[in-house]
């Protein structure tokens, strides 16, 4: 049930990102303050959904749910808890889920702590940020879904890649992603500034 909830949450995050990328941007061009403010709500919903999806996958690793293909291929019941948890992002599908979780995190931080930014600019920034997210969510759900089930679950998993079984894997990928994904905010602000500036010139 928790796994299915995580899968649904990932689709919900995609839906929220679509709303966040379309409605506020339309509000920017139509000068509709109510449409622009949808960006804040959508960013918060997107983050909550992405966090739920990431938590569901983490739960599957912690309890060694080998009915999930991702867990069966990348975890083992005898591994220490450290490697069960870090196994979540020590594979392609899990690392992509961590990526969109970080992306949603930066979006919600802009939404919550960027209240001093004019709503025209903030909504456009969040719309651009969401457009980046839509691409990644679609990629995950269509080609790299971490929530795929196995018809006949194995008794145990294959285990984590031995090359990754180091305490450094616990903090290195999350910290690295904070930097990588953090650059998306610089991109979003730069592109939003161009959009807003063009609108002002047209007006």
N, C-alpha and C. Protein backbone atom coordinates (compact mmCIF):
# COMPACT_ATOMS: atom_id res chain seq x y z
N UNK A 1 0.83 -1.21 0.00
CA UNK A 1 0.00 0.00 0.00
C UNK A 1 0.87 1.26 0.00
N UNK A 2 1.92 1.26 0.81
CA UNK A 2 2.81 2.42 0.89
C UNK A 2 3.51 2.64 -0.45
N UNK A 3 3.89 1.54 -1.10
CA UNK A 3 4.57 1.65 -2.39
C UNK A 3 3.63 2.27 -3.43
N UNK A 4 2.39 1.80 -3.46
CA UNK A 4 1.41 2.35 -4.40
C UNK A 4 1.16 3.83 -4.12
N UNK A 5 1.15 4.17 -2.82
CA UNK A 5 0.97 5.57 -2.43
C UNK A 5 2.12 6.42 -2.95
N UNK A 6 3.34 5.89 -2.86
CA UNK A 6 4.50 6.60 -3.38
C UNK A 6 4.44 6.79 -4.88
N UNK A 7 3.96 5.75 -5.57
CA UNK A 7 3.83 5.83 -7.03
C UNK A 7 2.81 6.89 -7.42
N UNK A 8 1.67 6.88 -6.74
CA UNK A 8 0.63 7.89 -7.01
C UNK A 8 1.16 9.28 -6.69
N UNK A 9 1.93 9.40 -5.61
CA UNK A 9 2.49 10.70 -5.23
C UNK A 9 3.43 11.23 -6.30
N UNK A 10 4.15 10.33 -6.97
CA UNK A 10 5.06 10.77 -8.04
C UNK A 10 4.26 11.32 -9.22
N UNK A 11 3.15 10.69 -9.54
CA UNK A 11 2.27 11.22 -10.59
C UNK A 11 1.65 12.55 -10.16
N UNK A 12 1.31 12.66 -8.88
CA UNK A 12 0.75 13.92 -8.36
C UNK A 12 1.78 15.04 -8.45
N UNK A 13 3.04 14.71 -8.17
CA UNK A 13 4.11 15.71 -8.29
C UNK A 13 4.24 16.20 -9.72
N UNK A 14 4.10 15.27 -10.68
CA UNK A 14 4.14 15.67 -12.09
C UNK A 14 2.96 16.59 -12.42
N UNK A 15 1.77 16.24 -11.92
CA UNK A 15 0.58 17.07 -12.18
C UNK A 15 0.76 18.46 -11.58
N UNK A 16 1.28 18.52 -10.35
CA UNK A 16 1.51 19.82 -9.70
C UNK A 16 2.54 20.64 -10.47
N UNK A 17 3.58 19.97 -10.97
CA UNK A 17 4.61 20.67 -11.75
C UNK A 17 4.03 21.22 -13.05
N UNK A 18 3.12 20.46 -13.67
CA UNK A 18 2.47 20.95 -14.89
C UNK A 18 1.64 22.20 -14.61
N UNK A 19 0.86 22.15 -13.52
CA UNK A 19 0.06 23.32 -13.13
C UNK A 19 0.97 24.50 -12.83
N UNK A 20 2.04 24.22 -12.10
CA UNK A 20 2.98 25.27 -11.70
C UNK A 20 3.69 25.90 -12.90
N UNK A 21 3.88 25.14 -13.95
CA UNK A 21 4.59 25.66 -15.12
C UNK A 21 3.68 26.40 -16.10
N UNK A 22 2.37 26.12 -16.04
CA UNK A 22 1.45 26.70 -17.02
C UNK A 22 0.65 27.88 -16.47
N UNK A 23 -0.03 27.67 -15.34
CA UNK A 23 -0.95 28.69 -14.82
C UNK A 23 -0.23 29.99 -14.43
N UNK A 24 0.85 29.94 -13.64
CA UNK A 24 1.51 31.21 -13.28
C UNK A 24 2.09 31.95 -14.48
N UNK A 25 2.59 31.19 -15.46
CA UNK A 25 3.17 31.83 -16.63
C UNK A 25 2.07 32.52 -17.44
N UNK A 26 0.91 31.88 -17.52
CA UNK A 26 -0.24 32.53 -18.16
C UNK A 26 -0.61 33.80 -17.38
N UNK A 27 -0.56 33.71 -16.05
CA UNK A 27 -0.85 34.87 -15.21
C UNK A 27 0.14 36.00 -15.43
N UNK A 28 1.39 35.65 -15.72
CA UNK A 28 2.41 36.66 -15.99
C UNK A 28 2.05 37.46 -17.24
N UNK A 29 1.62 36.76 -18.28
CA UNK A 29 1.28 37.44 -19.54
C UNK A 29 -0.07 38.14 -19.45
N UNK A 30 -0.99 37.57 -18.65
CA UNK A 30 -2.33 38.16 -18.53
C UNK A 30 -2.42 39.17 -17.38
N UNK A 31 -1.32 39.31 -16.62
CA UNK A 31 -1.29 40.19 -15.45
C UNK A 31 -2.40 39.81 -14.45
N UNK A 32 -2.55 38.51 -14.23
CA UNK A 32 -3.53 38.01 -13.27
C UNK A 32 -2.81 37.61 -11.99
N UNK A 33 -2.97 38.39 -10.93
CA UNK A 33 -2.28 38.12 -9.67
C UNK A 33 -2.71 36.79 -9.06
N UNK A 34 -4.00 36.46 -9.19
CA UNK A 34 -4.48 35.20 -8.62
C UNK A 34 -3.85 34.00 -9.33
N UNK A 35 -3.68 34.10 -10.64
CA UNK A 35 -3.03 33.00 -11.39
C UNK A 35 -1.56 32.90 -11.02
N UNK A 36 -0.91 34.04 -10.83
CA UNK A 36 0.50 34.03 -10.44
C UNK A 36 0.70 33.35 -9.09
N UNK A 37 -0.22 33.58 -8.17
CA UNK A 37 -0.07 33.03 -6.81
C UNK A 37 -0.28 31.52 -6.77
N UNK A 38 -0.82 30.96 -7.83
CA UNK A 38 -0.95 29.51 -7.91
C UNK A 38 0.43 28.85 -7.84
N UNK A 39 1.45 29.57 -8.28
CA UNK A 39 2.81 29.03 -8.27
C UNK A 39 3.24 28.60 -6.89
N UNK A 40 2.93 29.41 -5.87
CA UNK A 40 3.35 29.08 -4.51
C UNK A 40 2.66 27.80 -4.02
N UNK A 41 1.35 27.71 -4.22
CA UNK A 41 0.61 26.53 -3.78
C UNK A 41 1.07 25.29 -4.52
N UNK A 42 1.23 25.41 -5.83
CA UNK A 42 1.66 24.27 -6.64
C UNK A 42 3.05 23.79 -6.24
N UNK A 43 3.95 24.73 -5.93
CA UNK A 43 5.31 24.36 -5.51
C UNK A 43 5.28 23.59 -4.20
N UNK A 44 4.40 23.99 -3.30
CA UNK A 44 4.29 23.30 -2.02
C UNK A 44 3.67 21.91 -2.17
N UNK A 45 2.66 21.80 -3.03
CA UNK A 45 2.05 20.49 -3.30
C UNK A 45 3.06 19.58 -3.98
N UNK A 46 3.79 20.12 -4.93
CA UNK A 46 4.78 19.33 -5.64
C UNK A 46 5.84 18.79 -4.67
N UNK A 47 6.31 19.65 -3.77
CA UNK A 47 7.32 19.21 -2.80
C UNK A 47 6.78 18.12 -1.89
N UNK A 48 5.55 18.30 -1.38
CA UNK A 48 4.96 17.31 -0.50
C UNK A 48 4.81 15.96 -1.21
N UNK A 49 4.40 15.99 -2.47
CA UNK A 49 4.23 14.75 -3.24
C UNK A 49 5.58 14.09 -3.53
N UNK A 50 6.58 14.89 -3.90
CA UNK A 50 7.91 14.33 -4.18
C UNK A 50 8.53 13.75 -2.92
N UNK A 51 8.33 14.43 -1.79
CA UNK A 51 8.85 13.94 -0.52
C UNK A 51 8.18 12.62 -0.13
N UNK A 52 6.87 12.52 -0.38
CA UNK A 52 6.14 11.28 -0.07
C UNK A 52 6.64 10.13 -0.94
N UNK A 53 6.87 10.41 -2.22
CA UNK A 53 7.39 9.37 -3.13
C UNK A 53 8.77 8.91 -2.68
N UNK A 54 9.63 9.85 -2.31
CA UNK A 54 10.97 9.50 -1.87
C UNK A 54 10.92 8.71 -0.55
N UNK A 55 10.03 9.11 0.35
CA UNK A 55 9.89 8.41 1.63
C UNK A 55 9.38 6.99 1.41
N UNK A 56 8.48 6.80 0.44
CA UNK A 56 7.94 5.47 0.16
C UNK A 56 9.03 4.54 -0.36
N UNK A 57 9.89 5.05 -1.24
CA UNK A 57 10.98 4.22 -1.75
C UNK A 57 11.98 3.90 -0.63
N UNK A 58 12.26 4.88 0.21
CA UNK A 58 13.16 4.66 1.35
C UNK A 58 12.59 3.58 2.27
N UNK A 59 11.29 3.64 2.52
CA UNK A 59 10.62 2.63 3.35
C UNK A 59 10.80 1.24 2.74
N UNK A 60 10.65 1.13 1.44
CA UNK A 60 10.79 -0.17 0.77
C UNK A 60 12.19 -0.74 0.97
N UNK A 61 13.19 0.13 0.96
CA UNK A 61 14.56 -0.32 1.19
C UNK A 61 14.77 -0.73 2.65
N UNK A 62 14.24 0.04 3.56
CA UNK A 62 14.43 -0.24 4.99
C UNK A 62 13.82 -1.58 5.38
N UNK A 63 12.63 -1.89 4.85
CA UNK A 63 11.95 -3.14 5.20
C UNK A 63 12.30 -4.27 4.23
N UNK A 64 13.21 -4.01 3.29
CA UNK A 64 13.63 -5.01 2.30
C UNK A 64 12.44 -5.60 1.54
N UNK A 65 11.69 -4.72 0.91
CA UNK A 65 10.54 -5.13 0.11
C UNK A 65 11.03 -5.53 -1.29
N UNK A 66 11.33 -6.83 -1.47
CA UNK A 66 11.90 -7.29 -2.72
C UNK A 66 10.85 -7.52 -3.81
N UNK A 67 9.61 -7.14 -3.53
CA UNK A 67 8.62 -7.15 -4.59
C UNK A 67 8.83 -5.96 -5.53
N UNK A 68 9.63 -4.99 -5.07
CA UNK A 68 10.02 -3.87 -5.93
C UNK A 68 11.28 -4.26 -6.70
N UNK A 69 11.24 -4.12 -8.00
CA UNK A 69 12.39 -4.47 -8.83
C UNK A 69 13.63 -3.69 -8.41
N UNK A 70 13.45 -2.41 -8.13
CA UNK A 70 14.57 -1.55 -7.76
C UNK A 70 15.25 -2.03 -6.49
N UNK A 71 14.46 -2.44 -5.49
CA UNK A 71 15.01 -2.92 -4.22
C UNK A 71 15.68 -4.28 -4.42
N UNK A 72 15.05 -5.15 -5.19
CA UNK A 72 15.60 -6.49 -5.41
C UNK A 72 16.96 -6.44 -6.11
N UNK A 73 17.15 -5.46 -6.97
CA UNK A 73 18.39 -5.35 -7.72
C UNK A 73 19.49 -4.61 -6.97
N UNK A 74 19.12 -3.86 -5.93
CA UNK A 74 20.11 -2.97 -5.31
C UNK A 74 20.20 -3.08 -3.79
N UNK A 75 19.58 -4.07 -3.19
CA UNK A 75 19.64 -4.19 -1.73
C UNK A 75 19.68 -5.67 -1.33
N UNK A 76 19.94 -5.90 -0.05
CA UNK A 76 20.02 -7.26 0.49
C UNK A 76 19.60 -7.18 1.96
N UNK A 77 18.88 -8.17 2.42
CA UNK A 77 18.34 -8.14 3.78
C UNK A 77 19.42 -8.16 4.85
N UNK A 78 20.62 -8.67 4.52
CA UNK A 78 21.67 -8.77 5.52
C UNK A 78 22.56 -7.53 5.60
N UNK A 79 22.31 -6.56 4.72
CA UNK A 79 23.14 -5.36 4.72
C UNK A 79 22.85 -4.50 5.95
N UNK A 80 23.85 -3.77 6.46
CA UNK A 80 23.60 -2.82 7.56
C UNK A 80 22.59 -1.76 7.12
N UNK A 81 21.92 -1.19 8.10
CA UNK A 81 20.90 -0.19 7.80
C UNK A 81 21.47 0.98 7.00
N UNK A 82 22.73 1.34 7.25
CA UNK A 82 23.37 2.43 6.51
C UNK A 82 23.29 2.18 5.01
N UNK A 83 23.60 0.95 4.59
CA UNK A 83 23.62 0.65 3.17
C UNK A 83 22.22 0.36 2.62
N UNK A 84 21.29 0.02 3.49
CA UNK A 84 19.91 -0.11 3.03
C UNK A 84 19.35 1.27 2.66
N UNK A 85 19.61 2.25 3.53
CA UNK A 85 19.10 3.60 3.28
C UNK A 85 19.83 4.25 2.10
N UNK A 86 21.15 4.16 2.09
CA UNK A 86 21.89 4.80 1.01
C UNK A 86 21.70 4.07 -0.31
N UNK A 87 21.22 2.83 -0.26
CA UNK A 87 20.91 2.11 -1.48
C UNK A 87 19.81 2.78 -2.27
N UNK A 88 19.02 3.61 -1.60
CA UNK A 88 17.93 4.32 -2.26
C UNK A 88 18.46 5.14 -3.43
N UNK A 89 19.57 5.83 -3.23
CA UNK A 89 20.10 6.68 -4.30
C UNK A 89 21.37 6.11 -4.93
N UNK A 90 21.73 4.87 -4.60
CA UNK A 90 22.91 4.25 -5.19
C UNK A 90 22.55 3.46 -6.45
N UNK A 91 21.58 3.94 -7.20
CA UNK A 91 21.16 3.31 -8.45
C UNK A 91 20.51 4.40 -9.31
N UNK A 92 20.31 4.09 -10.57
CA UNK A 92 19.80 5.10 -11.49
C UNK A 92 18.42 5.63 -11.11
N UNK A 93 17.46 4.70 -10.89
CA UNK A 93 16.08 5.12 -10.62
C UNK A 93 15.98 5.91 -9.32
N UNK A 94 16.64 5.42 -8.27
CA UNK A 94 16.59 6.10 -6.98
C UNK A 94 17.29 7.44 -7.01
N UNK A 95 18.39 7.53 -7.74
CA UNK A 95 19.11 8.80 -7.81
C UNK A 95 18.30 9.84 -8.57
N UNK A 96 17.54 9.39 -9.58
CA UNK A 96 16.67 10.33 -10.30
C UNK A 96 15.55 10.82 -9.39
N UNK A 97 15.05 9.94 -8.53
CA UNK A 97 14.01 10.36 -7.58
C UNK A 97 14.57 11.36 -6.59
N UNK A 98 15.81 11.14 -6.14
CA UNK A 98 16.47 12.11 -5.26
C UNK A 98 16.64 13.44 -5.99
N UNK A 99 16.93 13.38 -7.27
CA UNK A 99 17.12 14.60 -8.08
C UNK A 99 15.85 15.45 -8.09
N UNK A 100 14.69 14.81 -8.39
CA UNK A 100 13.45 15.60 -8.45
C UNK A 100 13.00 16.05 -7.06
N UNK A 101 13.35 15.27 -6.04
CA UNK A 101 13.05 15.69 -4.67
C UNK A 101 13.81 16.97 -4.34
N UNK A 102 15.10 17.02 -4.71
CA UNK A 102 15.91 18.22 -4.49
C UNK A 102 15.36 19.40 -5.31
N UNK A 103 14.94 19.12 -6.53
CA UNK A 103 14.39 20.16 -7.40
C UNK A 103 13.14 20.77 -6.77
N UNK A 104 12.27 19.89 -6.26
CA UNK A 104 11.05 20.36 -5.59
C UNK A 104 11.38 21.11 -4.30
N UNK A 105 12.44 20.67 -3.62
CA UNK A 105 12.86 21.34 -2.38
C UNK A 105 13.27 22.78 -2.66
N UNK A 106 14.06 23.00 -3.70
CA UNK A 106 14.47 24.36 -4.03
C UNK A 106 13.28 25.21 -4.44
N UNK A 107 12.33 24.59 -5.12
CA UNK A 107 11.13 25.32 -5.52
C UNK A 107 10.32 25.79 -4.32
N UNK A 108 10.15 24.90 -3.35
CA UNK A 108 9.35 25.27 -2.18
C UNK A 108 10.10 26.29 -1.31
N UNK A 109 11.42 26.24 -1.31
CA UNK A 109 12.20 27.24 -0.56
C UNK A 109 12.02 28.63 -1.17
N UNK A 110 11.99 28.69 -2.51
CA UNK A 110 11.73 29.97 -3.17
C UNK A 110 10.34 30.45 -2.82
N UNK A 111 9.39 29.52 -2.80
CA UNK A 111 8.00 29.87 -2.50
C UNK A 111 7.83 30.40 -1.08
N UNK A 112 8.46 29.74 -0.13
CA UNK A 112 8.27 30.08 1.29
C UNK A 112 9.11 31.28 1.71
N UNK A 113 10.38 31.30 1.28
CA UNK A 113 11.30 32.34 1.76
C UNK A 113 11.51 33.47 0.75
N UNK A 114 10.81 33.41 -0.38
CA UNK A 114 10.98 34.45 -1.39
C UNK A 114 9.82 35.43 -1.44
N UNK A 115 9.16 35.62 -0.30
CA UNK A 115 7.98 36.50 -0.28
C UNK A 115 8.34 37.96 -0.56
N UNK A 116 9.60 38.31 -0.36
CA UNK A 116 10.00 39.70 -0.64
C UNK A 116 10.20 39.93 -2.14
N UNK A 117 10.27 38.85 -2.90
CA UNK A 117 10.39 38.97 -4.35
C UNK A 117 9.02 39.32 -4.93
N UNK A 118 8.93 40.31 -5.80
CA UNK A 118 7.63 40.66 -6.40
C UNK A 118 6.95 39.44 -7.00
N UNK A 119 5.63 39.35 -6.84
CA UNK A 119 4.89 38.16 -7.26
C UNK A 119 5.08 37.88 -8.75
N UNK A 120 5.22 38.92 -9.57
CA UNK A 120 5.43 38.72 -11.01
C UNK A 120 6.71 37.93 -11.26
N UNK A 121 7.77 38.31 -10.56
CA UNK A 121 9.06 37.64 -10.73
C UNK A 121 9.04 36.26 -10.09
N UNK A 122 8.52 36.17 -8.87
CA UNK A 122 8.54 34.89 -8.14
C UNK A 122 7.74 33.82 -8.88
N UNK A 123 6.57 34.20 -9.38
CA UNK A 123 5.74 33.22 -10.08
C UNK A 123 6.40 32.74 -11.37
N UNK A 124 7.10 33.65 -12.04
CA UNK A 124 7.78 33.27 -13.29
C UNK A 124 8.96 32.36 -12.99
N UNK A 125 9.70 32.66 -11.93
CA UNK A 125 10.80 31.79 -11.51
C UNK A 125 10.29 30.39 -11.21
N UNK A 126 9.22 30.30 -10.44
CA UNK A 126 8.67 29.00 -10.07
C UNK A 126 8.11 28.25 -11.28
N UNK A 127 7.58 29.00 -12.24
CA UNK A 127 7.07 28.37 -13.47
C UNK A 127 8.22 27.74 -14.26
N UNK A 128 9.31 28.47 -14.39
CA UNK A 128 10.47 27.94 -15.11
C UNK A 128 11.05 26.74 -14.36
N UNK A 129 11.13 26.85 -13.04
CA UNK A 129 11.64 25.75 -12.22
C UNK A 129 10.77 24.51 -12.41
N UNK A 130 9.48 24.70 -12.50
CA UNK A 130 8.56 23.57 -12.68
C UNK A 130 8.72 22.94 -14.06
N UNK A 131 9.01 23.75 -15.07
CA UNK A 131 9.21 23.20 -16.41
C UNK A 131 10.39 22.22 -16.43
N UNK A 132 11.43 22.57 -15.69
CA UNK A 132 12.57 21.66 -15.57
C UNK A 132 12.11 20.37 -14.89
N UNK A 133 11.29 20.52 -13.85
CA UNK A 133 10.79 19.36 -13.12
C UNK A 133 9.92 18.46 -13.97
N UNK A 134 9.08 19.04 -14.81
CA UNK A 134 8.19 18.25 -15.67
C UNK A 134 9.00 17.27 -16.52
N UNK A 135 10.10 17.76 -17.08
CA UNK A 135 10.94 16.89 -17.90
C UNK A 135 11.49 15.71 -17.13
N UNK A 136 11.96 15.97 -15.92
CA UNK A 136 12.52 14.90 -15.11
C UNK A 136 11.45 13.93 -14.61
N UNK A 137 10.30 14.45 -14.19
CA UNK A 137 9.22 13.57 -13.74
C UNK A 137 8.77 12.65 -14.87
N UNK A 138 8.61 13.21 -16.07
CA UNK A 138 8.18 12.41 -17.21
C UNK A 138 9.22 11.34 -17.53
N UNK A 139 10.49 11.71 -17.46
CA UNK A 139 11.57 10.75 -17.73
C UNK A 139 11.52 9.60 -16.72
N UNK A 140 11.36 9.94 -15.44
CA UNK A 140 11.32 8.89 -14.41
C UNK A 140 10.13 7.97 -14.61
N UNK A 141 8.95 8.55 -14.74
CA UNK A 141 7.72 7.74 -14.80
C UNK A 141 7.63 6.91 -16.07
N UNK A 142 8.19 7.40 -17.16
CA UNK A 142 8.07 6.69 -18.43
C UNK A 142 9.22 5.75 -18.74
N UNK A 143 10.40 6.03 -18.19
CA UNK A 143 11.57 5.20 -18.55
C UNK A 143 12.34 4.65 -17.36
N UNK A 144 12.21 5.25 -16.17
CA UNK A 144 13.04 4.84 -15.03
C UNK A 144 12.23 4.79 -13.74
N UNK A 145 11.07 4.15 -13.80
CA UNK A 145 10.16 4.12 -12.65
C UNK A 145 10.73 3.26 -11.51
N UNK A 146 10.98 3.86 -10.34
CA UNK A 146 11.53 3.07 -9.22
C UNK A 146 10.48 2.23 -8.51
N UNK A 147 9.21 2.37 -8.89
CA UNK A 147 8.14 1.66 -8.18
C UNK A 147 7.58 0.47 -8.97
N UNK A 148 8.35 -0.05 -9.93
CA UNK A 148 7.90 -1.21 -10.68
C UNK A 148 7.94 -2.46 -9.81
N UNK A 149 6.88 -3.25 -9.86
CA UNK A 149 6.78 -4.48 -9.08
C UNK A 149 7.32 -5.67 -9.88
N UNK A 150 7.68 -6.73 -9.15
CA UNK A 150 8.09 -8.00 -9.73
C UNK A 150 6.97 -9.00 -9.48
N UNK A 151 6.60 -9.73 -10.52
CA UNK A 151 5.49 -10.70 -10.40
C UNK A 151 5.82 -11.78 -9.38
N UNK A 152 7.06 -12.27 -9.40
CA UNK A 152 7.49 -13.31 -8.46
C UNK A 152 8.69 -12.79 -7.67
N UNK A 153 8.46 -12.13 -6.54
CA UNK A 153 9.56 -11.53 -5.77
C UNK A 153 10.57 -12.58 -5.30
N UNK A 154 11.87 -12.27 -5.39
CA UNK A 154 12.89 -13.21 -4.89
C UNK A 154 12.90 -13.22 -3.37
N UNK A 155 13.49 -14.27 -2.80
CA UNK A 155 13.58 -14.36 -1.35
C UNK A 155 14.55 -13.33 -0.79
N UNK A 156 15.53 -12.95 -1.59
CA UNK A 156 16.50 -11.95 -1.17
C UNK A 156 16.95 -11.15 -2.38
N UNK A 157 17.59 -10.02 -2.10
CA UNK A 157 18.03 -9.15 -3.18
C UNK A 157 19.44 -9.45 -3.64
N UNK A 158 19.82 -8.83 -4.75
CA UNK A 158 21.17 -9.02 -5.30
C UNK A 158 22.23 -8.28 -4.51
N UNK A 159 21.81 -7.26 -3.79
CA UNK A 159 22.76 -6.50 -2.99
C UNK A 159 23.25 -5.25 -3.69
N UNK A 160 23.77 -4.36 -2.89
CA UNK A 160 24.27 -3.08 -3.40
C UNK A 160 25.58 -3.28 -4.14
N UNK A 161 25.82 -2.46 -5.15
CA UNK A 161 27.08 -2.50 -5.88
C UNK A 161 28.25 -2.40 -4.89
N UNK A 162 29.16 -3.39 -4.86
CA UNK A 162 30.27 -3.37 -3.90
C UNK A 162 31.12 -2.11 -3.97
N UNK A 163 31.23 -1.53 -5.17
CA UNK A 163 32.03 -0.32 -5.33
C UNK A 163 31.43 0.87 -4.58
N UNK A 164 30.13 0.79 -4.28
CA UNK A 164 29.45 1.90 -3.61
C UNK A 164 29.29 1.68 -2.11
N UNK A 165 29.74 0.55 -1.61
CA UNK A 165 29.57 0.24 -0.20
C UNK A 165 30.66 0.91 0.64
N UNK A 166 30.45 2.20 0.82
CA UNK A 166 31.38 3.04 1.58
C UNK A 166 30.54 4.07 2.33
N UNK A 167 30.92 4.41 3.56
CA UNK A 167 30.13 5.41 4.29
C UNK A 167 29.97 6.73 3.55
N UNK A 168 30.91 7.03 2.65
CA UNK A 168 30.84 8.27 1.90
C UNK A 168 29.61 8.37 1.02
N UNK A 169 29.05 7.22 0.62
CA UNK A 169 27.87 7.25 -0.24
C UNK A 169 26.65 7.76 0.51
N UNK A 170 26.74 7.82 1.84
CA UNK A 170 25.61 8.30 2.65
C UNK A 170 25.42 9.81 2.50
N UNK A 171 26.53 10.54 2.32
CA UNK A 171 26.40 12.00 2.25
C UNK A 171 26.90 12.60 0.93
N UNK A 172 27.75 11.87 0.21
CA UNK A 172 28.32 12.43 -1.02
C UNK A 172 27.25 12.72 -2.08
N UNK A 173 26.41 11.76 -2.49
CA UNK A 173 25.41 12.08 -3.52
C UNK A 173 24.41 13.17 -3.11
N UNK A 174 23.84 13.13 -1.88
CA UNK A 174 22.92 14.22 -1.52
C UNK A 174 23.57 15.59 -1.55
N UNK A 175 24.80 15.71 -1.04
CA UNK A 175 25.49 17.00 -1.06
C UNK A 175 25.82 17.42 -2.49
N UNK A 176 26.22 16.46 -3.31
CA UNK A 176 26.53 16.75 -4.71
C UNK A 176 25.29 17.24 -5.44
N UNK A 177 24.17 16.59 -5.17
CA UNK A 177 22.92 16.97 -5.82
C UNK A 177 22.44 18.34 -5.36
N UNK A 178 22.69 18.68 -4.10
CA UNK A 178 22.32 20.01 -3.62
C UNK A 178 23.00 21.08 -4.48
N UNK A 179 24.25 20.81 -4.85
CA UNK A 179 24.98 21.75 -5.70
C UNK A 179 24.49 21.73 -7.13
N UNK A 180 24.39 20.52 -7.70
CA UNK A 180 23.96 20.39 -9.08
C UNK A 180 22.56 20.96 -9.30
N UNK A 181 21.63 20.48 -8.48
CA UNK A 181 20.23 20.89 -8.65
C UNK A 181 20.06 22.35 -8.26
N UNK A 182 20.89 22.81 -7.32
CA UNK A 182 20.80 24.21 -6.91
C UNK A 182 21.03 25.17 -8.06
N UNK A 183 21.84 24.75 -9.05
CA UNK A 183 22.09 25.62 -10.20
C UNK A 183 20.82 25.84 -11.02
N UNK A 184 19.82 24.96 -10.85
CA UNK A 184 18.56 25.15 -11.58
C UNK A 184 17.88 26.44 -11.15
N UNK A 185 18.08 26.85 -9.90
CA UNK A 185 17.46 28.09 -9.44
C UNK A 185 18.09 29.30 -10.12
N UNK A 186 19.40 29.24 -10.34
CA UNK A 186 20.08 30.33 -11.06
C UNK A 186 19.54 30.43 -12.48
N UNK A 187 19.36 29.26 -13.11
CA UNK A 187 18.79 29.22 -14.46
C UNK A 187 17.37 29.79 -14.47
N UNK A 188 16.57 29.38 -13.47
CA UNK A 188 15.18 29.83 -13.41
C UNK A 188 15.09 31.34 -13.20
N UNK A 189 15.93 31.88 -12.33
CA UNK A 189 15.94 33.34 -12.10
C UNK A 189 16.39 34.09 -13.36
N UNK A 190 17.40 33.56 -14.04
CA UNK A 190 17.91 34.23 -15.23
C UNK A 190 16.85 34.24 -16.34
N UNK A 191 16.23 33.10 -16.57
CA UNK A 191 15.22 33.03 -17.63
C UNK A 191 13.97 33.84 -17.26
N UNK A 192 13.60 33.79 -15.98
CA UNK A 192 12.44 34.57 -15.53
C UNK A 192 12.70 36.06 -15.69
N UNK A 193 13.92 36.50 -15.42
CA UNK A 193 14.26 37.92 -15.58
C UNK A 193 14.10 38.36 -17.03
N UNK A 194 14.49 37.48 -17.95
CA UNK A 194 14.34 37.80 -19.37
C UNK A 194 12.86 37.87 -19.76
N UNK A 195 12.06 36.94 -19.24
CA UNK A 195 10.63 36.92 -19.55
C UNK A 195 9.94 38.16 -19.00
N UNK A 196 10.21 38.46 -17.73
CA UNK A 196 9.57 39.61 -17.07
C UNK A 196 10.00 40.90 -17.73
N UNK A 197 11.28 41.02 -18.05
CA UNK A 197 11.80 42.23 -18.70
C UNK A 197 11.13 42.44 -20.05
N UNK A 198 10.94 41.35 -20.78
CA UNK A 198 10.30 41.47 -22.09
C UNK A 198 8.86 41.92 -21.94
N UNK A 199 8.19 41.40 -20.91
CA UNK A 199 6.82 41.80 -20.67
C UNK A 199 6.73 43.31 -20.33
N UNK A 200 7.67 43.76 -19.51
CA UNK A 200 7.67 45.17 -19.11
C UNK A 200 7.90 46.07 -20.32
N UNK A 201 8.82 45.62 -21.20
CA UNK A 201 9.12 46.41 -22.41
C UNK A 201 7.89 46.47 -23.30
N UNK A 202 7.18 45.33 -23.45
CA UNK A 202 5.98 45.30 -24.28
C UNK A 202 4.91 46.22 -23.72
N UNK A 203 4.82 46.28 -22.39
CA UNK A 203 3.81 47.12 -21.76
C UNK A 203 4.16 48.61 -21.93
